Every structure is written in C-alpha cells, then in structure tokens.
Amino acid sequence: MKHLYCIRHGTALHNINFKTMGDKAYTNFPDTPLVDRGIKDAIYLERTWEQIPKIDLVVVSPLSRTLQTADTIFRLHNKPIVVLDDLIEYKQSEHICNFRKNTSMLKKIYPNMDFSQIKTDEPPYWSDIKRTIEEEITLLKDRISKFKEWIKERPERNIAVVGHSAYFNMMLNNFSETEYTELKHCYPYEYNL
C-alpha cells in the first residue's frame, strides 16, 4: 500500500485575484506564482508538519506555484523531488494560469528537482482551442489514472504529492470543484493507494 499526502500549493496570484476579478484571474495571467501569503503557507507547513522525516519521495506538478511550494517545504530535508506533467491542474485550455513554462527554463530555476519524467519541453496537455467541460474532465481523469499507475510502480511507500485543488478533489472525492469546495492550501490530505 502507498500512503500519499496530497498537498495543495500555497496561495497563488490567481487565488487572490479571483476575489476581485472572478474567472479573469484564471485567463489573464500565465503560470501564476505564489504570493507572499503562499510562501508563508509553505513555510508554516515545513516548520510544523511532523510527517516530513517519514516522506520517501516528493512528486510535484510542473506549475510555478507547486514547484515553489515543494521547494519551500522540502529543500532543507534532502528528499528526492520528481516533477510530473500528469499532476498539472485542470483545466488545460483557456485557464492560462495552468499553462506551464518550458521544461528547459524550469530545470534552471529548480536544479534540485528531477525532470526526467517530463518528455517534452512544451506542455503536452495544453490546447489553445477551448475544450468542453466534459473533455477537460475526461482528460483530468485520464491523467489521474496515469499518475496512480506510475505511483504503484514506485518502490517508495510514503509519498508527498504537491499539486492542485481541482486535481485532488477529483482524485480524492470524484468530483470537479467550485471555488466554494476548494481544498485548503498547504494542508496534507491523506490518501491510500
């Protein structure tokens, strides 16, 4: 059995902007970073989470906000950190806050992370043509299935997964969320696989 700790990234720019801009917060800013509050979210978890020593592996989405979160929580703990495209957030069209940078750029910013599982420099799931909700959910479920298969093949047992609220809500609860059903930032939700 694999014991996963699903950690949503710290508070990011689009999370703050949604309060004043609505859906434009998702469509006006690419690959949104953490804001000061998000960095504080991650620092707080790093300082208070007693399970960190037990973590065998960290797996992270390739978006800036998740990479920043994982780096902040685990950089002082010498944990292997693997970056996976299959963890990228839903939606992968229209919501450019979920459009990742090129892998070559990310490798320079995060040299301590393992990008070997990412096969293309460009984001593989992104579409410039808007998909329907049904298409986006199908793609999300397919990525979750691929992720679970990948995890099952790994030798590690205790795995921290740094990702996104909509992704985790579908994986943990089998529903696509709204702004009112979001998971907490930087909180480790437990999931056995």
Protein backbone atom coordinates (compact mmCIF):
# COMPACT_ATOMS: atom_id res chain seq x y z
CA MET A 1 0.00 0.00 0.00
CA LYS A 2 1.14 3.52 -0.81
CA HIS A 3 0.45 6.29 1.69
CA LEU A 4 0.05 9.61 -0.12
CA TYR A 5 -0.08 13.07 1.39
CA CYS A 6 -1.81 15.32 -1.14
CA ILE A 7 -0.75 18.92 -0.55
CA ARG A 8 -2.34 21.78 -2.41
CA HIS A 9 0.10 24.56 -3.29
CA GLY A 10 0.30 27.74 -1.21
CA THR A 11 -1.88 30.74 -2.01
CA ALA A 12 -1.12 31.91 -5.56
CA LEU A 13 -1.76 35.04 -7.60
CA HIS A 14 -4.90 33.71 -9.29
CA ASN A 15 -6.37 32.69 -5.89
CA ILE A 16 -6.05 36.26 -4.65
CA ASN A 17 -7.18 37.84 -7.94
CA PHE A 18 -10.31 35.67 -8.13
CA LYS A 19 -11.82 37.65 -5.26
CA THR A 20 -11.80 40.86 -7.33
CA MET A 21 -11.64 39.62 -10.94
CA GLY A 22 -13.66 36.41 -10.96
CA ASP A 23 -12.80 33.97 -13.78
CA LYS A 24 -10.47 36.52 -15.42
CA ALA A 25 -7.97 35.60 -12.71
CA TYR A 26 -7.61 32.23 -14.47
CA THR A 27 -7.42 33.57 -18.01
CA ASN A 28 -5.27 36.72 -17.73
CA PHE A 29 -2.07 35.52 -16.02
CA PRO A 30 0.04 32.54 -17.20
CA ASP A 31 1.56 30.04 -14.77
CA THR A 32 0.74 32.05 -11.66
CA PRO A 33 3.32 32.11 -8.85
CA LEU A 34 2.85 32.09 -5.11
CA VAL A 35 2.15 35.40 -3.38
CA ASP A 36 3.73 36.27 0.00
CA ARG A 37 0.88 34.55 1.82
CA GLY A 38 1.52 31.38 -0.22
CA ILE A 39 5.19 31.34 0.72
CA LYS A 40 4.17 31.76 4.36
CA ASP A 41 1.68 28.84 3.93
CA ALA A 42 4.53 26.59 2.75
CA ILE A 43 6.99 27.78 5.42
CA TYR A 44 4.38 27.08 8.10
CA LEU A 45 3.85 23.50 6.86
CA GLU A 46 7.62 22.93 6.64
CA ARG A 47 8.03 24.02 10.25
CA THR A 48 5.03 22.22 11.76
CA TRP A 49 4.39 19.03 9.76
CA GLU A 50 5.69 16.11 11.80
CA GLN A 51 5.49 13.60 8.91
CA ILE A 52 8.28 15.18 6.82
CA PRO A 53 11.00 12.82 8.14
CA LYS A 54 8.89 9.82 7.06
CA ILE A 55 8.46 11.01 3.45
CA ASP A 56 10.35 8.79 0.98
CA LEU A 57 9.52 10.73 -2.18
CA VAL A 58 8.01 14.07 -3.22
CA VAL A 59 6.12 14.29 -6.51
CA VAL A 60 5.10 17.69 -7.85
CA SER A 61 3.12 19.33 -10.64
CA PRO A 62 5.28 21.39 -13.05
CA LEU A 63 3.48 24.69 -12.46
CA SER A 64 5.37 27.52 -10.74
CA ARG A 65 3.12 27.64 -7.68
CA THR A 66 3.54 23.93 -6.94
CA LEU A 67 7.28 23.92 -7.63
CA GLN A 68 7.72 26.90 -5.28
CA THR A 69 5.63 25.16 -2.62
CA ALA A 70 7.54 21.86 -2.85
CA ASP A 71 10.88 23.67 -2.85
CA THR A 72 9.94 25.68 0.24
CA ILE A 73 8.60 22.69 2.20
CA PHE A 74 11.26 20.10 1.33
CA ARG A 75 14.50 21.86 0.28
CA LEU A 76 16.08 21.55 3.73
CA HIS A 77 15.05 17.90 4.13
CA ASN A 78 17.03 16.29 1.29
CA LYS A 79 14.05 14.45 -0.21
CA PRO A 80 14.01 13.32 -3.86
CA ILE A 81 11.58 15.53 -5.80
CA VAL A 82 10.17 14.24 -9.12
CA VAL A 83 8.20 16.54 -11.44
CA LEU A 84 5.27 15.00 -13.38
CA ASP A 85 3.14 16.54 -16.14
CA ASP A 86 0.27 14.20 -15.20
CA LEU A 87 -0.23 16.24 -11.99
CA ILE A 88 -0.88 19.52 -13.81
CA GLU A 89 -4.08 21.34 -12.90
CA TYR A 90 -7.48 21.17 -14.59
CA LYS A 91 -8.34 22.97 -16.95
CA GLN A 92 -5.73 22.62 -19.68
CA SER A 93 -7.27 25.07 -22.11
CA GLU A 94 -8.42 28.65 -21.58
CA HIS A 95 -7.14 28.83 -17.96
CA ILE A 96 -3.64 30.08 -18.75
CA CYS A 97 -2.79 30.16 -15.06
CA ASN A 98 -2.35 26.38 -15.67
CA PHE A 99 -0.03 26.76 -18.69
CA ARG A 100 3.45 25.67 -17.59
CA LYS A 101 6.78 27.14 -18.58
CA ASN A 102 9.15 25.21 -20.84
CA THR A 103 10.97 22.40 -19.06
CA SER A 104 14.38 23.81 -20.03
CA MET A 105 13.57 27.01 -18.11
CA LEU A 106 12.18 25.14 -15.09
CA LYS A 107 15.30 22.97 -14.82
CA LYS A 108 17.40 26.11 -14.43
CA ILE A 109 15.13 27.51 -11.71
CA TYR A 110 14.85 24.20 -9.81
CA PRO A 111 18.11 22.28 -10.37
CA ASN A 112 17.46 20.11 -7.29
CA MET A 113 14.34 18.58 -8.86
CA ASP A 114 14.17 15.57 -11.18
CA PHE A 115 12.53 16.48 -14.52
CA SER A 116 13.42 13.18 -16.22
CA GLN A 117 9.77 12.03 -16.29
CA ILE A 118 8.75 15.03 -18.43
CA LYS A 119 9.17 14.03 -22.05
CA THR A 120 8.53 17.32 -23.88
CA ASP A 121 9.77 20.85 -23.40
CA GLU A 122 6.29 22.18 -24.25
CA PRO A 123 3.23 21.34 -22.11
CA PRO A 124 1.73 18.11 -23.54
CA TYR A 125 -1.84 18.53 -22.31
CA TRP A 126 -2.39 22.16 -23.22
CA SER A 127 -4.77 23.19 -26.00
CA ASP A 128 -5.10 26.71 -27.42
CA ILE A 129 -8.60 25.71 -28.51
CA LYS A 130 -11.08 25.77 -25.63
CA ARG A 131 -12.25 22.30 -24.62
CA THR A 132 -15.69 21.48 -23.24
CA ILE A 133 -16.04 20.71 -19.53
CA GLU A 134 -16.65 17.06 -20.43
CA GLU A 135 -13.43 16.93 -22.47
CA GLU A 136 -11.46 18.59 -19.65
CA ILE A 137 -12.84 16.17 -17.04
CA THR A 138 -12.09 13.16 -19.25
CA LEU A 139 -8.52 14.40 -19.69
CA LEU A 140 -8.21 15.01 -15.95
CA LYS A 141 -9.42 11.51 -15.08
CA ASP A 142 -7.02 10.03 -17.63
CA ARG A 143 -4.09 11.94 -16.08
CA ILE A 144 -5.12 10.77 -12.59
CA SER A 145 -5.18 7.15 -13.81
CA LYS A 146 -1.70 7.52 -15.33
CA PHE A 147 -0.43 9.07 -12.11
CA LYS A 148 -1.82 6.24 -9.97
CA GLU A 149 -0.22 3.63 -12.23
CA TRP A 150 3.10 5.46 -12.03
CA ILE A 151 2.90 5.59 -8.22
CA LYS A 152 2.10 1.86 -7.99
CA GLU A 153 5.34 1.09 -9.86
CA ARG A 154 7.46 3.12 -7.44
CA PRO A 155 9.25 1.41 -4.53
CA GLU A 156 8.54 4.25 -2.07
CA ARG A 157 5.68 3.92 0.43
CA ASN A 158 5.22 7.39 1.96
CA ILE A 159 4.84 9.95 -0.79
CA ALA A 160 4.08 13.66 -0.65
CA VAL A 161 2.25 14.92 -3.73
CA VAL A 162 2.28 18.69 -4.24
CA GLY A 163 -0.46 19.67 -6.63
CA HIS A 164 -3.78 21.39 -7.12
CA SER A 165 -7.22 21.56 -5.55
CA ALA A 166 -9.35 20.57 -8.56
CA TYR A 167 -7.00 17.69 -9.39
CA PHE A 168 -7.01 16.39 -5.81
CA ASN A 169 -10.77 16.87 -5.43
CA MET A 170 -11.32 14.63 -8.45
CA MET A 171 -8.77 12.07 -7.23
CA LEU A 172 -9.91 12.01 -3.59
CA ASN A 173 -13.61 12.81 -3.87
CA ASN A 174 -14.51 12.07 -7.51
CA PHE A 175 -15.96 15.49 -8.27
CA SER A 176 -14.89 18.65 -10.03
CA GLU A 177 -14.82 21.52 -7.62
CA THR A 178 -16.01 25.07 -7.50
CA GLU A 179 -14.41 27.98 -5.68
CA TYR A 180 -16.56 27.00 -2.70
CA THR A 181 -15.33 23.41 -2.43
CA GLU A 182 -11.61 24.10 -2.73
CA LEU A 183 -9.14 22.21 -0.58
CA LYS A 184 -7.03 24.09 1.96
CA HIS A 185 -3.68 25.48 0.87
CA CYS A 186 -0.62 23.62 2.22
CA TYR A 187 -2.58 21.01 4.12
CA PRO A 188 -1.62 17.29 3.81
CA TYR A 189 -4.73 15.29 2.86
CA GLU A 190 -4.06 11.59 3.36
CA TYR A 191 -4.88 9.04 0.66
CA ASN A 192 -4.05 5.34 0.49
CA LEU A 193 -3.47 3.69 -2.84
